Amino acid sequence: MFRTLRKTLFGKDKATPRNLNEAVNFEAGLIFIAVPKTGSTTVRRQVGSAGPHLIPNPHLDIQQIRDLLYTWLLRQELGTNDRFPGSAVRTDTDLRDDAARWFEGLFKFSMVRNPWARAVSLYHRKEGVRVGERMDFRSFVKNHFHASDTCRHPTLHGNQVDWLTDADGRIAVDHVAKLEDLNAEVATLAEKSNGRVHLAARTMNRNEASPSTAYRDLYDDHTRHLIATRFEKDIDLFGYTF
């Protein structure tokens, strides 16, 4: 199906567009939304497209990627008018329709993580804002309001699911995997994507300084409640417990 769509949109004489963003792999026919601190680095290394990219930020949400598809097609089309009359340059409406069809034809997936464990990982992260060197964990949790608080990329989202929803609040990806169930998700993703997603490595890239695997030890009743309240959407939707 995806090969047919690609040929329909670009024909035999136009190369498949590449290097829009790491999240979009046109050759494989997929989009991976990399929510920070969910094991996304390991997945990106396996399914992401090679750079350089038009937009190098690896952490874009699904709406931003959808909008970028139109921008990419426009970039491919500009400067291609080489004859008069009878130009084959497509209209803006054509480009927007093509972008929508690309978006629908690509397999879209992401990964989420237990919010309590993820908060510990955000606190101990070695890149971006190293809050673990500036404050204790209790102070961090009191001020932890976004799913990318310590990420260097300025795309703030309240919950992890906010990376995956459209303007109407509906999940716009085909599958959401859970980091905790990665071994089972490897087979599920391969099946649901009709073989487009092949995750060979089942061991996540880990920050050895982070005690996120024993995250419960860092919490007291107050900080546990703060995470439960602020990330209630993720906890309810994905069935997480402390």
Protein backbone atom coordinates (compact mmCIF):
# COMPACT_ATOMS: atom_id res chain seq x y z
CA MET A 1 0.00 0.00 0.00
CA PHE A 2 2.73 2.48 0.94
CA ARG A 3 4.72 1.79 -2.24
CA THR A 4 1.60 2.44 -4.29
CA LEU A 5 1.01 5.72 -2.46
CA ARG A 6 4.62 6.80 -2.98
CA LYS A 7 4.46 6.09 -6.71
CA THR A 8 1.12 7.90 -7.00
CA LEU A 9 2.40 11.04 -5.33
CA PHE A 10 5.84 11.28 -6.89
CA GLY A 11 5.76 9.13 -9.99
CA LYS A 12 8.76 7.33 -11.43
CA ASP A 13 10.85 10.41 -12.16
CA LYS A 14 10.79 11.99 -8.71
CA ALA A 15 12.91 10.62 -5.92
CA THR A 16 11.32 9.86 -2.57
CA PRO A 17 11.81 12.92 -0.34
CA ARG A 18 14.35 12.35 2.44
CA ASN A 19 15.78 14.03 5.53
CA LEU A 20 12.77 16.07 6.59
CA ASN A 21 13.23 15.10 10.23
CA GLU A 22 14.62 12.12 12.09
CA ALA A 23 11.09 11.14 13.07
CA VAL A 24 10.05 10.55 9.45
CA ASN A 25 11.47 7.63 7.51
CA PHE A 26 10.00 7.80 4.01
CA GLU A 27 11.83 4.70 2.79
CA ALA A 28 10.42 2.54 5.58
CA GLY A 29 7.07 4.33 5.51
CA LEU A 30 6.87 5.31 9.16
CA ILE A 31 6.85 8.11 11.71
CA PHE A 32 8.26 7.67 15.21
CA ILE A 33 7.28 10.33 17.75
CA ALA A 34 10.14 10.46 20.23
CA VAL A 35 8.81 11.49 23.63
CA PRO A 36 11.90 12.38 25.72
CA LYS A 37 13.09 9.87 28.33
CA THR A 38 10.98 6.96 27.10
CA GLY A 39 13.78 4.89 25.56
CA SER A 40 13.41 6.92 22.38
CA THR A 41 17.15 7.14 21.67
CA THR A 42 17.41 3.39 21.13
CA VAL A 43 14.34 3.33 18.88
CA ARG A 44 15.45 6.40 16.91
CA ARG A 45 18.78 4.78 16.12
CA GLN A 46 16.96 1.88 14.51
CA VAL A 47 14.06 3.52 12.68
CA GLY A 48 15.02 7.18 12.24
CA SER A 49 16.10 8.68 8.92
CA ALA A 50 19.70 9.76 8.32
CA GLY A 51 20.68 13.43 8.53
CA PRO A 52 21.20 16.20 7.84
CA HIS A 53 17.56 17.08 8.40
CA LEU A 54 15.47 20.08 7.45
CA ILE A 55 14.40 20.24 11.12
CA PRO A 56 17.08 18.57 13.29
CA ASN A 57 15.08 18.60 16.54
CA PRO A 58 14.46 14.90 17.32
CA HIS A 59 11.54 15.58 19.65
CA LEU A 60 8.57 16.88 17.65
CA ASP A 61 4.95 16.04 18.33
CA ILE A 62 2.57 14.47 15.84
CA GLN A 63 0.94 17.77 14.84
CA GLN A 64 4.31 19.37 14.14
CA ILE A 65 5.34 16.42 11.97
CA ARG A 66 2.06 16.53 10.05
CA ASP A 67 2.54 20.25 9.35
CA LEU A 68 6.14 19.63 8.28
CA LEU A 69 5.02 17.18 5.60
CA TYR A 70 3.38 20.05 3.71
CA THR A 71 6.47 22.24 4.20
CA TRP A 72 8.68 19.47 2.85
CA LEU A 73 6.53 18.92 -0.25
CA LEU A 74 6.48 22.66 -0.87
CA ARG A 75 10.27 22.74 -0.59
CA GLN A 76 10.52 19.95 -3.18
CA GLU A 77 8.17 21.75 -5.57
CA LEU A 78 9.62 25.26 -5.47
CA GLY A 79 12.07 26.00 -8.27
CA THR A 80 10.89 23.17 -10.53
CA ASN A 81 9.04 25.26 -13.14
CA ASP A 82 11.25 24.85 -16.22
CA ARG A 83 8.91 25.28 -19.18
CA PHE A 84 6.16 27.50 -20.59
CA PRO A 85 3.42 26.80 -21.33
CA GLY A 86 2.22 23.52 -19.91
CA SER A 87 4.01 23.52 -16.57
CA ALA A 88 3.47 20.43 -14.42
CA VAL A 89 3.98 22.35 -11.17
CA ARG A 90 1.29 21.37 -8.68
CA THR A 91 -1.04 23.82 -6.97
CA ASP A 92 -0.93 24.53 -3.26
CA THR A 93 -4.14 22.55 -2.89
CA ASP A 94 -2.41 19.60 -4.57
CA LEU A 95 0.50 19.84 -2.15
CA ARG A 96 -1.76 19.98 0.89
CA ASP A 97 -3.75 17.00 -0.37
CA ASP A 98 -0.54 15.07 -0.98
CA ALA A 99 0.72 15.92 2.51
CA ALA A 100 -2.50 14.61 4.01
CA ARG A 101 -2.22 11.40 2.00
CA TRP A 102 1.40 10.93 3.06
CA PHE A 103 0.41 11.38 6.68
CA GLU A 104 -2.34 8.80 6.42
CA GLY A 105 -0.11 6.33 4.56
CA LEU A 106 2.78 6.39 7.02
CA PHE A 107 2.70 4.06 10.04
CA LYS A 108 2.84 6.27 13.14
CA PHE A 109 3.95 5.06 16.55
CA SER A 110 5.45 6.22 19.81
CA MET A 111 6.50 5.03 23.24
CA VAL A 112 5.45 6.11 26.74
CA ARG A 113 6.74 5.41 30.23
CA ASN A 114 5.53 5.18 33.81
CA PRO A 115 5.30 8.86 34.93
CA TRP A 116 6.86 8.20 38.35
CA ALA A 117 9.86 6.38 36.84
CA ARG A 118 10.11 8.95 34.08
CA ALA A 119 10.27 11.84 36.57
CA VAL A 120 13.27 10.19 38.21
CA SER A 121 14.93 9.81 34.81
CA LEU A 122 14.27 13.47 33.98
CA TYR A 123 15.78 14.48 37.29
CA HIS A 124 18.99 12.50 36.69
CA ARG A 125 19.42 13.19 32.97
CA LYS A 126 22.96 14.00 31.83
CA GLU A 127 22.00 16.17 28.84
CA GLY A 128 19.83 19.27 28.73
CA VAL A 129 19.07 20.90 32.09
CA ARG A 130 20.87 18.92 34.81
CA VAL A 131 18.52 19.66 37.68
CA GLY A 132 20.01 16.82 39.71
CA GLU A 133 23.04 19.04 40.23
CA ARG A 134 20.98 22.04 41.34
CA MET A 135 18.25 20.79 43.68
CA ASP A 136 17.05 17.76 45.59
CA PHE A 137 14.46 15.42 44.14
CA ARG A 138 11.61 16.75 46.28
CA SER A 139 12.22 20.30 45.04
CA PHE A 140 12.30 19.04 41.46
CA VAL A 141 8.97 17.25 41.76
CA LYS A 142 7.35 20.36 43.26
CA ASN A 143 8.31 22.26 40.11
CA HIS A 144 7.87 19.46 37.57
CA PHE A 145 4.91 20.45 35.37
CA HIS A 146 5.75 19.30 31.83
CA ALA A 147 6.66 16.05 30.11
CA SER A 148 9.87 17.65 28.83
CA ASP A 149 10.90 19.88 31.74
CA THR A 150 14.61 19.08 31.56
CA CYS A 151 14.79 18.51 27.79
CA ARG A 152 16.82 21.02 25.77
CA HIS A 153 14.19 21.07 23.03
CA PRO A 154 11.53 23.76 23.65
CA THR A 155 8.37 21.82 22.81
CA LEU A 156 6.58 21.79 26.16
CA HIS A 157 3.76 19.33 26.74
CA GLY A 158 1.83 18.71 29.92
CA ASN A 159 1.60 14.93 29.57
CA GLN A 160 3.26 12.38 27.31
CA VAL A 161 0.00 11.80 25.47
CA ASP A 162 0.00 15.47 24.43
CA TRP A 163 2.82 14.62 22.02
CA LEU A 164 0.49 12.17 20.28
CA THR A 165 -2.82 14.01 19.93
CA ASP A 166 -4.30 16.19 17.19
CA ALA A 167 -5.97 19.57 17.62
CA ASP A 168 -9.17 17.84 18.79
CA GLY A 169 -7.35 15.88 21.48
CA ARG A 170 -7.56 12.55 19.67
CA ILE A 171 -4.58 10.21 19.53
CA ALA A 172 -3.21 10.50 15.99
CA VAL A 173 -0.73 7.63 16.01
CA ASP A 174 -1.42 4.02 15.06
CA HIS A 175 0.20 2.44 18.09
CA VAL A 176 1.53 3.54 21.48
CA ALA A 177 4.06 1.16 22.99
CA LYS A 178 4.95 1.04 26.68
CA LEU A 179 8.63 1.03 27.58
CA GLU A 180 7.95 -1.44 30.39
CA ASP A 181 6.54 -3.95 27.87
CA LEU A 182 9.22 -3.48 25.22
CA ASN A 183 9.97 -7.16 24.68
CA ALA A 184 6.34 -7.88 23.78
CA GLU A 185 6.05 -4.62 21.85
CA VAL A 186 8.81 -5.66 19.43
CA ALA A 187 6.55 -8.33 17.92
CA THR A 188 3.41 -6.19 18.20
CA LEU A 189 4.98 -3.30 16.29
CA ALA A 190 6.25 -5.59 13.54
CA GLU A 191 2.78 -7.06 13.12
CA LYS A 192 0.81 -3.81 13.27
CA SER A 193 3.16 -2.03 10.88
CA ASN A 194 3.11 -4.90 8.38
CA GLY A 195 6.84 -5.35 8.82
CA ARG A 196 7.85 -1.70 8.59
CA VAL A 197 9.09 -1.50 12.20
CA HIS A 198 11.94 -3.87 13.09
CA LEU A 199 13.39 -3.32 16.56
CA ALA A 200 16.35 -5.62 16.93
CA ALA A 201 17.73 -4.32 20.21
CA ARG A 202 15.59 -4.94 23.25
CA THR A 203 17.95 -3.25 25.69
CA MET A 204 17.34 0.45 26.15
CA ASN A 205 20.03 3.10 26.22
CA ARG A 206 20.47 3.68 29.96
CA ASN A 207 21.84 6.43 32.16
CA GLU A 208 23.77 4.45 34.73
CA ALA A 209 23.59 7.37 37.18
CA SER A 210 19.80 7.23 37.19
CA PRO A 211 18.05 5.04 39.80
CA SER A 212 14.81 5.05 37.78
CA THR A 213 14.50 1.25 37.94
CA ALA A 214 14.12 1.63 41.74
CA TYR A 215 12.17 4.87 41.45
CA ARG A 216 9.81 4.15 44.36
CA ASP A 217 12.64 4.66 46.85
CA LEU A 218 12.90 8.35 45.99
CA TYR A 219 9.26 9.22 46.70
CA ASP A 220 7.34 10.17 49.78
CA ASP A 221 3.56 10.43 49.96
CA HIS A 222 3.56 14.10 48.94
CA THR A 223 5.78 13.78 45.86
CA ARG A 224 3.99 10.60 44.80
CA HIS A 225 0.68 12.49 44.92
CA LEU A 226 2.09 15.44 42.94
CA ILE A 227 3.08 13.20 40.04
CA ALA A 228 -0.26 11.38 40.20
CA THR A 229 -2.13 14.69 39.95
CA ARG A 230 -0.08 16.40 37.25
CA PHE A 231 0.21 13.40 34.97
CA GLU A 232 -3.24 11.98 35.58
CA LYS A 233 -3.99 11.81 31.86
CA ASP A 234 -1.04 9.52 31.17
CA ILE A 235 -1.70 7.39 34.24
CA ASP A 236 -5.39 6.86 33.43
CA LEU A 237 -5.01 6.43 29.68
CA PHE A 238 -2.09 4.01 29.76
CA GLY A 239 -3.01 2.22 32.98
CA TYR A 240 0.03 3.09 35.05
CA THR A 241 0.30 2.57 38.80
CA PHE A 242 2.97 3.60 41.27
